[in-house]
């Protein structure tokens, strides 16, 4: 299969497929003319990667998951540990995003949104800016 067929079957763009190839996650055969030739196994791998990205696994984590997927002697405990760590990172990300949202909502609600130059959003961003040099 060529890359356009791989696109259709996997739901990924050709650029994304090439990026995954560059990252070593998928290795299609190369024809004599240099074109990529994707097998059914490559399409299955691309779909696996797509689903893993949908739940926010990094490319490094996906490489680990693919190694486990392709290892018939894998222990499901190894997969579970990797996913458990990912869940912990997601929970931290949710906490961080919730805090950001609360901060933005507070600034938004305090902003008059009128013709006045005073803006609680700008004030909030100024207070949370970089440390100022003492020069």
N, C-alpha and C. Protein backbone atom coordinates (compact mmCIF):
# COMPACT_ATOMS: atom_id res chain seq x y z
N UNK A 1 0.85 -1.19 0.00
CA UNK A 1 0.00 0.00 0.00
C UNK A 1 0.89 1.24 0.00
N UNK A 2 0.43 2.25 -0.69
CA UNK A 2 1.18 3.50 -0.69
C UNK A 2 0.72 4.38 0.49
N UNK A 3 1.37 5.52 0.64
CA UNK A 3 1.09 6.37 1.80
C UNK A 3 -0.32 6.95 1.77
N UNK A 4 -0.87 7.21 0.58
CA UNK A 4 -2.23 7.76 0.54
C UNK A 4 -3.24 6.72 1.01
N UNK A 5 -3.01 5.46 0.71
CA UNK A 5 -3.88 4.40 1.21
C UNK A 5 -3.71 4.25 2.72
N UNK A 6 -2.47 4.35 3.18
CA UNK A 6 -2.20 4.29 4.62
C UNK A 6 -2.90 5.43 5.34
N UNK A 7 -2.92 6.61 4.72
CA UNK A 7 -3.64 7.76 5.28
C UNK A 7 -5.11 7.42 5.49
N UNK A 8 -5.73 6.92 4.43
CA UNK A 8 -7.17 6.62 4.47
C UNK A 8 -7.49 5.55 5.50
N UNK A 9 -6.68 4.51 5.55
CA UNK A 9 -6.96 3.40 6.46
C UNK A 9 -6.67 3.72 7.92
N UNK A 10 -5.68 4.57 8.15
CA UNK A 10 -5.30 4.89 9.53
C UNK A 10 -5.97 6.15 10.07
N UNK A 11 -6.42 7.03 9.17
CA UNK A 11 -6.99 8.30 9.61
C UNK A 11 -5.93 9.32 10.00
N UNK A 12 -4.69 9.06 9.62
CA UNK A 12 -3.59 9.98 9.91
C UNK A 12 -3.15 10.67 8.63
N UNK A 13 -2.59 11.86 8.76
CA UNK A 13 -2.08 12.57 7.58
C UNK A 13 -0.76 11.94 7.15
N UNK A 14 -0.40 12.16 5.90
CA UNK A 14 0.87 11.61 5.41
C UNK A 14 2.05 12.22 6.17
N UNK A 15 1.94 13.49 6.55
CA UNK A 15 3.01 14.12 7.33
C UNK A 15 3.17 13.43 8.67
N UNK A 16 2.05 13.14 9.33
CA UNK A 16 2.10 12.46 10.63
C UNK A 16 2.69 11.07 10.48
N UNK A 17 2.28 10.36 9.43
CA UNK A 17 2.83 9.03 9.19
C UNK A 17 4.34 9.10 8.98
N UNK A 18 4.80 10.08 8.20
CA UNK A 18 6.24 10.24 7.98
C UNK A 18 6.95 10.61 9.29
N UNK A 19 6.30 11.43 10.11
CA UNK A 19 6.89 11.78 11.42
C UNK A 19 7.05 10.53 12.29
N UNK A 20 6.04 9.67 12.29
CA UNK A 20 6.12 8.43 13.07
C UNK A 20 7.20 7.51 12.52
N UNK A 21 7.37 7.53 11.21
CA UNK A 21 8.46 6.75 10.61
C UNK A 21 9.81 7.32 11.05
N UNK A 22 9.96 8.64 11.00
CA UNK A 22 11.21 9.29 11.41
C UNK A 22 11.53 9.00 12.88
N UNK A 23 10.48 8.86 13.69
CA UNK A 23 10.67 8.55 15.11
C UNK A 23 10.94 7.07 15.34
N UNK A 24 10.88 6.27 14.28
CA UNK A 24 11.16 4.85 14.40
C UNK A 24 10.00 4.01 14.90
N UNK A 25 8.81 4.58 14.90
CA UNK A 25 7.64 3.86 15.41
C UNK A 25 7.03 2.92 14.38
N UNK A 26 7.22 3.24 13.11
CA UNK A 26 6.72 2.39 12.02
C UNK A 26 7.83 2.35 10.97
N UNK A 27 8.00 1.18 10.35
CA UNK A 27 9.09 1.02 9.38
C UNK A 27 8.57 0.36 8.10
N UNK A 28 7.95 1.16 7.24
CA UNK A 28 7.46 0.57 5.99
C UNK A 28 8.62 0.16 5.08
N UNK A 29 8.34 -0.79 4.23
CA UNK A 29 9.35 -1.19 3.24
C UNK A 29 9.51 -0.06 2.23
N UNK A 30 10.69 0.02 1.64
CA UNK A 30 10.93 1.00 0.58
C UNK A 30 11.03 0.25 -0.74
N UNK A 31 10.29 0.73 -1.71
CA UNK A 31 10.37 0.15 -3.04
C UNK A 31 11.62 0.67 -3.73
N UNK A 32 11.97 0.10 -4.86
CA UNK A 32 13.16 0.53 -5.59
C UNK A 32 13.11 2.00 -5.96
N UNK A 33 11.92 2.50 -6.22
CA UNK A 33 11.77 3.91 -6.59
C UNK A 33 11.78 4.83 -5.36
N UNK A 34 11.95 4.26 -4.18
CA UNK A 34 12.01 5.05 -2.95
C UNK A 34 10.68 5.25 -2.26
N UNK A 35 9.59 4.87 -2.91
CA UNK A 35 8.27 5.02 -2.29
C UNK A 35 8.11 4.05 -1.13
N UNK A 36 7.35 4.48 -0.15
CA UNK A 36 7.06 3.63 1.00
C UNK A 36 5.96 2.63 0.61
N UNK A 37 6.08 1.44 1.16
CA UNK A 37 5.06 0.41 0.94
C UNK A 37 4.61 -0.09 2.31
N UNK A 38 3.35 0.19 2.64
CA UNK A 38 2.82 -0.15 3.95
C UNK A 38 2.09 -1.50 3.90
N UNK A 39 2.35 -2.31 4.90
CA UNK A 39 1.69 -3.61 5.03
C UNK A 39 0.48 -3.47 5.95
N UNK A 40 -0.30 -4.52 6.02
CA UNK A 40 -1.42 -4.54 6.97
C UNK A 40 -0.92 -4.36 8.40
N UNK A 41 0.23 -4.94 8.71
CA UNK A 41 0.82 -4.79 10.04
C UNK A 41 1.20 -3.33 10.31
N UNK A 42 1.71 -2.65 9.28
CA UNK A 42 2.05 -1.23 9.44
C UNK A 42 0.79 -0.40 9.72
N UNK A 43 -0.29 -0.72 9.03
CA UNK A 43 -1.56 0.00 9.25
C UNK A 43 -2.04 -0.25 10.67
N UNK A 44 -1.96 -1.49 11.13
CA UNK A 44 -2.36 -1.81 12.51
C UNK A 44 -1.50 -1.03 13.50
N UNK A 45 -0.20 -0.91 13.21
CA UNK A 45 0.68 -0.15 14.09
C UNK A 45 0.31 1.33 14.08
N UNK A 46 0.02 1.88 12.91
CA UNK A 46 -0.40 3.28 12.82
C UNK A 46 -1.69 3.52 13.60
N UNK A 47 -2.62 2.60 13.51
CA UNK A 47 -3.88 2.74 14.26
C UNK A 47 -3.62 2.67 15.77
N UNK A 48 -2.72 1.77 16.17
CA UNK A 48 -2.32 1.65 17.57
C UNK A 48 -1.75 2.98 18.06
N UNK A 49 -0.83 3.55 17.27
CA UNK A 49 -0.20 4.83 17.62
C UNK A 49 -1.26 5.92 17.72
N UNK A 50 -2.17 5.95 16.75
CA UNK A 50 -3.23 6.97 16.76
C UNK A 50 -4.05 6.88 18.04
N UNK A 51 -4.44 5.68 18.43
CA UNK A 51 -5.23 5.52 19.66
C UNK A 51 -4.42 5.91 20.89
N UNK A 52 -3.13 5.57 20.89
CA UNK A 52 -2.27 5.93 22.02
C UNK A 52 -2.12 7.45 22.13
N UNK A 53 -2.01 8.14 20.99
CA UNK A 53 -1.91 9.60 21.02
C UNK A 53 -3.22 10.21 21.50
N UNK A 54 -4.35 9.58 21.16
CA UNK A 54 -5.66 10.10 21.58
C UNK A 54 -5.80 10.11 23.10
N UNK A 55 -5.06 9.26 23.79
CA UNK A 55 -5.08 9.26 25.26
C UNK A 55 -3.80 9.87 25.82
N UNK A 56 -3.13 10.67 24.97
CA UNK A 56 -2.03 11.55 25.36
C UNK A 56 -0.73 10.84 25.73
N UNK A 57 -0.48 9.65 25.20
CA UNK A 57 0.82 9.05 25.40
C UNK A 57 1.84 9.81 24.56
N UNK A 58 3.04 9.97 25.08
CA UNK A 58 4.13 10.61 24.33
C UNK A 58 4.68 9.60 23.33
N UNK A 59 5.48 10.09 22.40
CA UNK A 59 6.10 9.18 21.43
C UNK A 59 7.03 8.19 22.12
N UNK A 60 7.74 8.63 23.15
CA UNK A 60 8.61 7.73 23.90
C UNK A 60 7.79 6.63 24.59
N UNK A 61 6.68 7.02 25.18
CA UNK A 61 5.82 6.02 25.82
C UNK A 61 5.25 5.06 24.77
N UNK A 62 4.89 5.59 23.62
CA UNK A 62 4.35 4.74 22.55
C UNK A 62 5.40 3.75 22.09
N UNK A 63 6.65 4.18 22.00
CA UNK A 63 7.72 3.26 21.63
C UNK A 63 7.80 2.11 22.64
N UNK A 64 7.67 2.43 23.92
CA UNK A 64 7.67 1.39 24.96
C UNK A 64 6.46 0.47 24.80
N UNK A 65 5.29 1.06 24.56
CA UNK A 65 4.08 0.26 24.39
C UNK A 65 4.18 -0.64 23.16
N UNK A 66 4.75 -0.13 22.08
CA UNK A 66 4.92 -0.95 20.88
C UNK A 66 5.89 -2.10 21.14
N UNK A 67 6.96 -1.83 21.88
CA UNK A 67 7.90 -2.91 22.22
C UNK A 67 7.20 -3.98 23.04
N UNK A 68 6.36 -3.56 23.97
CA UNK A 68 5.61 -4.52 24.78
C UNK A 68 4.59 -5.26 23.91
N UNK A 69 3.91 -4.53 23.05
CA UNK A 69 2.91 -5.13 22.15
C UNK A 69 3.54 -6.21 21.27
N UNK A 70 4.75 -5.94 20.82
CA UNK A 70 5.42 -6.85 19.90
C UNK A 70 6.20 -7.96 20.60
N UNK A 71 6.19 -7.98 21.91
CA UNK A 71 6.92 -8.98 22.68
C UNK A 71 5.94 -10.04 23.20
N UNK A 72 5.97 -11.24 22.62
CA UNK A 72 5.04 -12.28 23.08
C UNK A 72 5.31 -12.73 24.52
N UNK A 73 6.51 -12.43 25.04
CA UNK A 73 6.82 -12.79 26.43
C UNK A 73 6.58 -11.63 27.41
N UNK A 74 5.91 -10.59 26.95
CA UNK A 74 5.68 -9.44 27.83
C UNK A 74 4.87 -9.87 29.04
N UNK A 75 5.01 -9.10 30.08
CA UNK A 75 4.18 -9.27 31.28
C UNK A 75 3.17 -8.13 31.29
N UNK A 76 1.92 -8.46 31.47
CA UNK A 76 0.91 -7.40 31.50
C UNK A 76 1.19 -6.42 32.63
N UNK A 77 1.90 -6.88 33.65
CA UNK A 77 2.27 -5.99 34.77
C UNK A 77 3.12 -4.82 34.27
N UNK A 78 3.98 -5.07 33.28
CA UNK A 78 4.82 -4.00 32.74
C UNK A 78 3.96 -2.95 32.04
N UNK A 79 2.96 -3.41 31.30
CA UNK A 79 2.05 -2.49 30.61
C UNK A 79 1.26 -1.70 31.65
N UNK A 80 0.80 -2.40 32.67
CA UNK A 80 -0.01 -1.74 33.70
C UNK A 80 0.78 -0.67 34.45
N UNK A 81 2.06 -0.93 34.72
CA UNK A 81 2.90 0.06 35.40
C UNK A 81 3.04 1.31 34.52
N UNK A 82 3.32 1.10 33.25
CA UNK A 82 3.48 2.23 32.32
C UNK A 82 2.20 3.06 32.26
N UNK A 83 1.06 2.40 32.17
CA UNK A 83 -0.21 3.12 32.10
C UNK A 83 -0.54 3.78 33.43
N UNK A 84 -0.22 3.13 34.54
CA UNK A 84 -0.45 3.73 35.86
C UNK A 84 0.33 5.02 36.03
N UNK A 85 1.58 5.02 35.58
CA UNK A 85 2.40 6.25 35.63
C UNK A 85 1.80 7.33 34.75
N UNK A 86 1.29 6.92 33.59
CA UNK A 86 0.66 7.89 32.68
C UNK A 86 -0.59 8.49 33.32
N UNK A 87 -1.38 7.67 33.98
CA UNK A 87 -2.58 8.16 34.66
C UNK A 87 -2.20 9.19 35.73
N UNK A 88 -1.13 8.92 36.47
CA UNK A 88 -0.67 9.89 37.47
C UNK A 88 -0.30 11.22 36.83
N UNK A 89 0.41 11.17 35.69
CA UNK A 89 0.76 12.42 34.98
C UNK A 89 -0.49 13.14 34.49
N UNK A 90 -1.46 12.37 33.99
CA UNK A 90 -2.71 12.99 33.54
C UNK A 90 -3.45 13.64 34.70
N UNK A 91 -3.49 12.98 35.83
CA UNK A 91 -4.15 13.57 37.01
C UNK A 91 -3.48 14.87 37.41
N UNK A 92 -2.13 14.92 37.35
CA UNK A 92 -1.42 16.17 37.66
C UNK A 92 -1.75 17.23 36.63
N UNK A 93 -1.81 16.83 35.37
CA UNK A 93 -2.14 17.77 34.30
C UNK A 93 -3.55 18.32 34.50
N UNK A 94 -4.49 17.47 34.90
CA UNK A 94 -5.86 17.90 35.16
C UNK A 94 -5.88 18.91 36.30
N UNK A 95 -5.12 18.64 37.36
CA UNK A 95 -5.04 19.56 38.49
C UNK A 95 -4.48 20.90 38.04
N UNK A 96 -3.39 20.85 37.26
CA UNK A 96 -2.76 22.09 36.77
C UNK A 96 -3.71 22.87 35.87
N UNK A 97 -4.38 22.18 34.95
CA UNK A 97 -5.32 22.84 34.04
C UNK A 97 -6.50 23.44 34.81
N UNK A 98 -6.98 22.75 35.81
CA UNK A 98 -8.09 23.26 36.62
C UNK A 98 -7.67 24.55 37.34
N UNK A 99 -6.45 24.55 37.85
CA UNK A 99 -5.94 25.74 38.53
C UNK A 99 -5.81 26.91 37.54
N UNK A 100 -5.31 26.64 36.34
CA UNK A 100 -5.19 27.68 35.32
C UNK A 100 -6.56 28.23 34.96
N UNK A 101 -7.52 27.34 34.78
CA UNK A 101 -8.88 27.74 34.44
C UNK A 101 -9.46 28.62 35.53
N UNK A 102 -9.27 28.22 36.79
CA UNK A 102 -9.79 29.02 37.91
C UNK A 102 -9.18 30.41 37.93
N UNK A 103 -7.87 30.49 37.69
CA UNK A 103 -7.19 31.79 37.65
C UNK A 103 -7.74 32.66 36.53
N UNK A 104 -7.85 32.08 35.33
CA UNK A 104 -8.37 32.84 34.19
C UNK A 104 -9.81 33.27 34.41
N UNK A 105 -10.63 32.39 34.96
CA UNK A 105 -12.03 32.76 35.23
C UNK A 105 -12.11 33.90 36.23
N UNK A 106 -11.25 33.88 37.24
CA UNK A 106 -11.23 34.96 38.22
C UNK A 106 -10.88 36.28 37.55
N UNK A 107 -9.82 36.29 36.74
CA UNK A 107 -9.45 37.51 36.02
C UNK A 107 -10.57 37.95 35.09
N UNK A 108 -11.13 37.02 34.38
CA UNK A 108 -12.22 37.31 33.43
C UNK A 108 -13.41 37.94 34.15
N UNK A 109 -13.79 37.35 35.27
CA UNK A 109 -14.94 37.86 36.02
C UNK A 109 -14.68 39.22 36.66
N UNK A 110 -13.41 39.51 36.95
CA UNK A 110 -13.05 40.80 37.55
C UNK A 110 -12.86 41.90 36.51
N UNK A 111 -12.73 41.53 35.26
CA UNK A 111 -12.52 42.51 34.20
C UNK A 111 -13.85 43.17 33.84
N UNK A 112 -13.84 44.49 33.80
CA UNK A 112 -15.06 45.23 33.47
C UNK A 112 -15.51 45.03 32.03
N UNK A 113 -14.58 44.77 31.14
CA UNK A 113 -14.92 44.56 29.74
C UNK A 113 -15.59 45.77 29.12
N UNK A 114 -15.15 46.97 29.53
CA UNK A 114 -15.77 48.19 29.03
C UNK A 114 -14.71 49.10 28.41
N UNK A 115 -14.98 50.37 28.30
CA UNK A 115 -14.06 51.32 27.67
C UNK A 115 -12.92 51.75 28.59
N UNK A 116 -12.98 51.37 29.85
CA UNK A 116 -11.94 51.75 30.80
C UNK A 116 -10.63 51.05 30.47
N UNK A 117 -9.49 51.74 30.64
CA UNK A 117 -8.20 51.10 30.38
C UNK A 117 -7.83 50.08 31.47
N UNK A 118 -8.47 50.18 32.64
CA UNK A 118 -8.16 49.22 33.71
C UNK A 118 -8.68 47.84 33.30
N UNK A 119 -7.81 46.84 33.43
CA UNK A 119 -8.18 45.48 33.04
C UNK A 119 -7.60 44.50 34.05
N UNK A 120 -8.46 43.77 34.73
CA UNK A 120 -8.02 42.79 35.72
C UNK A 120 -7.21 41.67 35.07
N UNK A 121 -7.46 41.38 33.83
CA UNK A 121 -6.71 40.32 33.14
C UNK A 121 -5.26 40.75 32.95
N UNK A 122 -5.07 41.98 32.43
CA UNK A 122 -3.72 42.52 32.26
C UNK A 122 -3.02 42.63 33.60
N UNK A 123 -3.73 43.11 34.63
CA UNK A 123 -3.14 43.21 35.97
C UNK A 123 -2.70 41.84 36.47
N UNK A 124 -3.55 40.84 36.29
CA UNK A 124 -3.22 39.49 36.73
C UNK A 124 -1.99 38.95 36.01
N UNK A 125 -1.92 39.16 34.71
CA UNK A 125 -0.76 38.71 33.94
C UNK A 125 0.50 39.44 34.36
N UNK A 126 0.38 40.73 34.66
CA UNK A 126 1.54 41.50 35.12
C UNK A 126 2.06 40.96 36.45
N UNK A 127 1.16 40.58 37.34
CA UNK A 127 1.57 40.06 38.65
C UNK A 127 2.21 38.69 38.54
N UNK A 128 1.86 37.96 37.53
CA UNK A 128 2.37 36.60 37.36
C UNK A 128 3.46 36.53 36.30
N UNK A 129 4.03 37.68 35.98
CA UNK A 129 5.07 37.72 34.93
C UNK A 129 6.41 37.24 35.45
N UNK A 130 7.41 37.45 34.66
CA UNK A 130 8.77 37.05 35.02
C UNK A 130 9.32 37.93 36.13
N UNK A 131 10.30 37.39 36.82
CA UNK A 131 10.96 38.18 37.86
C UNK A 131 11.68 39.34 37.20
N UNK A 132 11.59 40.49 37.82
CA UNK A 132 12.22 41.68 37.26
C UNK A 132 13.66 41.77 37.74
N UNK A 133 14.52 42.24 36.86
CA UNK A 133 15.94 42.39 37.26
C UNK A 133 16.05 43.63 38.13
N UNK A 134 17.07 43.64 38.97
CA UNK A 134 17.26 44.77 39.88
C UNK A 134 18.23 45.78 39.31
N UNK A 135 18.53 45.70 38.02
CA UNK A 135 19.47 46.66 37.38
C UNK A 135 18.88 48.04 37.31
